[in-house]
Each structure stands twice: as C-alpha cells, then as structure tokens.
Amino acid sequence: MDKDRRAVSELLDIALAESGLSQAAFATALGTSASRLSTYRSGKTQPTAKFFLRARRIARALHAAREYRIMTAPATATAIREASDEDWAWRMLLQGRDHLRLLLHRSDGSEAAWEAAPGTTGQPGFDALLAALTAQEFRAAGEEPPEWTKIQALPEPWIPEHPFLDPDEIVAQTPEYLAQLNIFVPARDLVTA
C-alpha cells in the first residue's frame, strides 16, 4: 500500500474512533455500508475526496457534540428506540430537535453532527418525523438539509394517538410540511419552552 493510501486509511480509522460510533453506525451516518467503509479503511478501495472530507468533518462534529452532551440525529434515534414509553420517545425527539437548533445558531460547523444519518428508531412514523423536523430546522436556519432528511411521504397516514384531540382535529392542526409527508401532529405539540 502506498503512503497516500495508507494515510487515508489511518485518517478514516481516526475518524471512526472520533465519531464514537461502531463501524456499522458510522457507515450509516455517512450514507454507506459497513462493508464499503471497511474497504476504505483497509485501503482496498479509495474513497472520493468528498466522502473522505465529509467523514472527517462529521466525525469531529459528533465528537464535539458528545463532549458538550448535545444530542445528534443518531443519538436521538437511539434514544427514541430505547424509550420506555411513547411519552419519553416524544421528549427525546423534541430534545434532539432543540439541540439541533442550538447547533444551527452557533454557525461554527457543529451542525455537521446532524448531517450524520441516524439508524432507525424502530418506528417508521418516528423515523419520518425525525427526518422532517431536522429538514425543517435546517431550512429555517437558511441551510441545506442533510441528504438523509430527503424522504418520501409515508404510504399510510401516521396520526399518533392524542390525549384530547380526535384525528380530524389533529389533521387540521398539523403544519403543511408534515402533512405533505403523511405525518399528522398538531403544531402545538412540537413547541417546547
């Protein structure tokens, strides 16, 4: 293996360690497969310069977010998946979204931690809602939403149960950007203090 190929492999190993994720989770975060990332790390295949730079940038941002105890998209998806009940899952979703807002307002590149694609929450509705809320926050900040947030509408309407609104009221109170994705959540349920 030549020096440049070895250097790329070593820097990808460092990026993986810095990300704090498993190889499979880091590959998902970068939008590739674990086997493809393995070929990059071994030097068998050379990644594009864009992929290489993105891996390093996202790994650094994930590391910084962990240091400051800021949730990322992968951490938010994990928290939702591991939630003991649906109320806690909603809290984790909104806390993650609020952490994204903080990073976007910093304008220092730390929002790259949210470019990392998350694994599944285990529920298609929450997966889609996490993507939709993330895209909305990036757009509101004047930034291009991450690639993983560009999703298709759910095949069936997702209307989570609500303690005091009936489904028609939920649909009527849903923001348009969610309704277009077949996700129905009242706008006020997305507000945090």
Protein backbone atom coordinates (compact mmCIF):
# COMPACT_ATOMS: atom_id res chain seq x y z
CA MET A 1 0.00 0.00 0.00
CA ASP A 2 1.43 3.41 -0.95
CA LYS A 3 1.86 6.26 1.53
CA ASP A 4 -1.19 8.22 0.42
CA ARG A 5 -3.47 5.19 0.54
CA ARG A 6 -2.11 4.30 4.00
CA ALA A 7 -2.62 7.89 5.21
CA VAL A 8 -6.25 7.88 4.04
CA SER A 9 -6.83 4.55 5.79
CA GLU A 10 -5.27 5.78 9.02
CA LEU A 11 -7.26 9.03 8.96
CA LEU A 12 -10.50 7.11 8.41
CA ASP A 13 -9.61 4.89 11.39
CA ILE A 14 -9.12 8.06 13.44
CA ALA A 15 -12.43 9.47 12.18
CA LEU A 16 -14.24 6.26 13.16
CA ALA A 17 -12.76 6.39 16.67
CA GLU A 18 -13.51 10.09 16.98
CA SER A 19 -17.14 9.59 15.93
CA GLY A 20 -17.77 7.35 18.95
CA LEU A 21 -19.89 5.08 16.75
CA SER A 22 -19.47 1.46 15.72
CA GLN A 23 -18.23 0.89 12.19
CA ALA A 24 -21.77 -0.04 11.11
CA ALA A 25 -23.31 3.06 12.74
CA PHE A 26 -20.58 5.34 11.32
CA ALA A 27 -21.16 3.86 7.86
CA THR A 28 -24.90 4.53 8.23
CA ALA A 29 -24.13 8.08 9.41
CA LEU A 30 -22.09 8.61 6.24
CA GLY A 31 -24.70 7.06 3.97
CA THR A 32 -22.69 4.00 3.00
CA SER A 33 -22.48 0.35 4.01
CA ALA A 34 -20.25 -1.11 6.71
CA SER A 35 -18.57 -3.32 4.11
CA ARG A 36 -17.81 -0.32 1.87
CA LEU A 37 -16.38 1.63 4.81
CA SER A 38 -14.28 -1.41 5.66
CA THR A 39 -12.75 -1.43 2.15
CA TYR A 40 -11.91 2.27 2.55
CA ARG A 41 -10.32 1.66 5.96
CA SER A 42 -8.29 -1.30 4.69
CA GLY A 43 -7.06 0.66 1.67
CA LYS A 44 -8.54 -1.84 -0.81
CA THR A 45 -10.70 0.95 -2.25
CA GLN A 46 -10.09 4.69 -2.19
CA PRO A 47 -12.99 6.91 -1.17
CA THR A 48 -13.73 10.07 -3.10
CA ALA A 49 -12.23 13.24 -1.70
CA LYS A 50 -15.77 14.43 -0.89
CA PHE A 51 -16.53 11.29 1.13
CA PHE A 52 -13.19 11.47 2.94
CA LEU A 53 -13.60 15.13 3.92
CA ARG A 54 -17.21 14.57 4.94
CA ALA A 55 -16.24 11.61 7.14
CA ARG A 56 -13.63 13.68 8.93
CA ARG A 57 -15.95 16.70 9.36
CA ILE A 58 -18.87 14.62 10.65
CA ALA A 59 -16.63 12.60 12.99
CA ARG A 60 -15.26 15.80 14.53
CA ALA A 61 -18.75 17.23 14.94
CA LEU A 62 -20.04 14.00 16.53
CA HIS A 63 -17.09 14.06 18.93
CA ALA A 64 -17.73 17.70 19.87
CA ALA A 65 -21.45 17.04 20.38
CA ARG A 66 -20.63 14.14 22.70
CA GLU A 67 -18.19 16.33 24.65
CA TYR A 68 -20.87 19.00 25.14
CA ARG A 69 -23.64 16.46 25.72
CA ILE A 70 -25.56 17.66 22.70
CA MET A 71 -27.83 15.15 21.01
CA THR A 72 -27.20 14.24 17.37
CA ALA A 73 -29.51 12.55 14.88
CA PRO A 74 -28.00 9.10 15.63
CA ALA A 75 -28.25 9.73 19.40
CA THR A 76 -31.83 10.97 19.06
CA ALA A 77 -32.89 7.92 17.04
CA THR A 78 -31.28 5.64 19.63
CA ALA A 79 -33.00 7.48 22.50
CA ILE A 80 -36.37 7.13 20.77
CA ARG A 81 -35.77 3.43 20.06
CA GLU A 82 -34.77 2.78 23.68
CA ALA A 83 -37.54 4.91 25.23
CA SER A 84 -39.55 3.12 27.89
CA ASP A 85 -42.82 4.56 26.58
CA GLU A 86 -44.17 6.79 23.82
CA ASP A 87 -44.22 9.93 26.01
CA TRP A 88 -40.49 9.54 26.64
CA ALA A 89 -39.90 8.93 22.91
CA TRP A 90 -41.62 12.27 22.15
CA ARG A 91 -39.49 14.02 24.76
CA MET A 92 -36.31 12.61 23.23
CA LEU A 93 -37.43 13.64 19.74
CA LEU A 94 -38.12 17.22 20.80
CA GLN A 95 -34.98 17.44 22.93
CA GLY A 96 -32.91 16.30 19.96
CA ARG A 97 -34.64 18.86 17.72
CA ASP A 98 -33.93 21.60 20.29
CA HIS A 99 -30.26 20.57 20.44
CA LEU A 100 -30.12 20.85 16.64
CA ARG A 101 -31.49 24.39 16.92
CA LEU A 102 -28.68 25.27 19.33
CA LEU A 103 -26.05 23.93 16.95
CA LEU A 104 -27.54 25.72 13.95
CA HIS A 105 -27.48 29.04 15.81
CA ARG A 106 -23.79 28.60 16.63
CA SER A 107 -22.84 28.82 12.93
CA ASP A 108 -19.48 27.17 13.63
CA GLY A 109 -19.88 23.94 11.67
CA SER A 110 -21.05 21.91 14.66
CA GLU A 111 -24.37 21.30 12.92
CA ALA A 112 -22.45 18.70 10.88
CA ALA A 113 -23.24 16.35 13.78
CA TRP A 114 -26.80 16.35 12.40
CA GLU A 115 -25.63 15.54 8.88
CA ALA A 116 -24.87 12.09 10.27
CA ALA A 117 -27.74 9.87 9.18
CA PRO A 118 -29.36 8.06 12.10
CA GLY A 119 -30.23 4.43 12.30
CA THR A 120 -33.89 3.57 12.64
CA THR A 121 -35.96 4.49 15.69
CA GLY A 122 -37.76 1.20 15.16
CA GLN A 123 -40.93 3.02 14.12
CA PRO A 124 -41.45 4.34 10.56
CA GLY A 125 -43.52 7.28 11.85
CA PHE A 126 -40.80 8.46 14.22
CA ASP A 127 -38.14 7.89 11.54
CA ALA A 128 -40.06 10.12 9.13
CA LEU A 129 -40.84 12.72 11.78
CA LEU A 130 -37.18 12.94 12.85
CA ALA A 131 -36.19 13.50 9.21
CA ALA A 132 -38.95 16.07 8.66
CA LEU A 133 -38.18 18.08 11.80
CA THR A 134 -34.46 18.04 11.02
CA ALA A 135 -35.03 19.26 7.46
CA GLN A 136 -37.36 21.99 8.73
CA GLU A 137 -34.77 23.25 11.22
CA PHE A 138 -32.02 23.36 8.58
CA ARG A 139 -34.32 25.25 6.18
CA ALA A 140 -35.34 27.70 8.93
CA ALA A 141 -31.65 28.43 9.54
CA GLY A 142 -31.05 29.01 5.83
CA GLU A 143 -29.01 25.82 5.48
CA GLU A 144 -29.36 22.92 3.05
CA PRO A 145 -30.98 19.95 4.86
CA PRO A 146 -28.87 16.79 5.13
CA GLU A 147 -29.34 14.18 2.42
CA TRP A 148 -30.89 11.65 4.85
CA THR A 149 -33.80 14.02 5.53
CA LYS A 150 -34.99 13.91 1.92
CA ILE A 151 -37.68 11.28 2.36
CA GLN A 152 -40.82 10.13 0.60
CA ALA A 153 -44.25 10.55 2.17
CA LEU A 154 -45.35 7.67 4.36
CA PRO A 155 -47.53 5.20 2.43
CA GLU A 156 -50.29 5.47 5.05
CA PRO A 157 -51.21 8.46 7.23
CA TRP A 158 -49.47 8.41 10.61
CA ILE A 159 -51.69 10.03 13.24
CA PRO A 160 -50.30 9.26 16.70
CA GLU A 161 -52.89 8.95 19.44
CA HIS A 162 -53.57 12.19 21.24
CA PRO A 163 -54.89 12.58 24.79
CA PHE A 164 -57.66 15.05 23.92
CA LEU A 165 -57.79 15.70 20.16
CA ASP A 166 -59.64 13.48 17.72
CA PRO A 167 -57.97 12.54 14.42
CA ASP A 168 -59.79 15.25 12.42
CA GLU A 169 -58.61 17.93 14.85
CA ILE A 170 -55.05 16.59 14.68
CA VAL A 171 -55.10 16.71 10.87
CA ALA A 172 -56.49 20.27 10.90
CA GLN A 173 -53.75 21.45 13.29
CA THR A 174 -50.81 19.79 11.50
CA PRO A 175 -48.22 22.01 9.80
CA GLU A 176 -48.23 21.66 6.00
CA TYR A 177 -44.62 20.43 5.79
CA LEU A 178 -45.64 17.40 7.90
CA ALA A 179 -49.00 16.81 6.22
CA GLN A 180 -47.21 16.59 2.85
CA LEU A 181 -45.30 13.60 4.27
CA ASN A 182 -48.48 11.94 5.60
CA ILE A 183 -47.42 12.75 9.19
CA PHE A 184 -50.10 14.33 11.36
CA VAL A 185 -49.04 16.01 14.59
CA PRO A 186 -50.59 19.24 15.94
CA ALA A 187 -48.21 22.22 15.68
CA ARG A 188 -48.57 22.98 19.39
CA ASP A 189 -47.26 19.51 20.29
CA LEU A 190 -43.99 20.46 18.60
CA VAL A 191 -43.46 23.59 20.71
CA THR A 192 -41.00 23.48 23.59
CA ALA A 193 -40.28 26.12 26.20
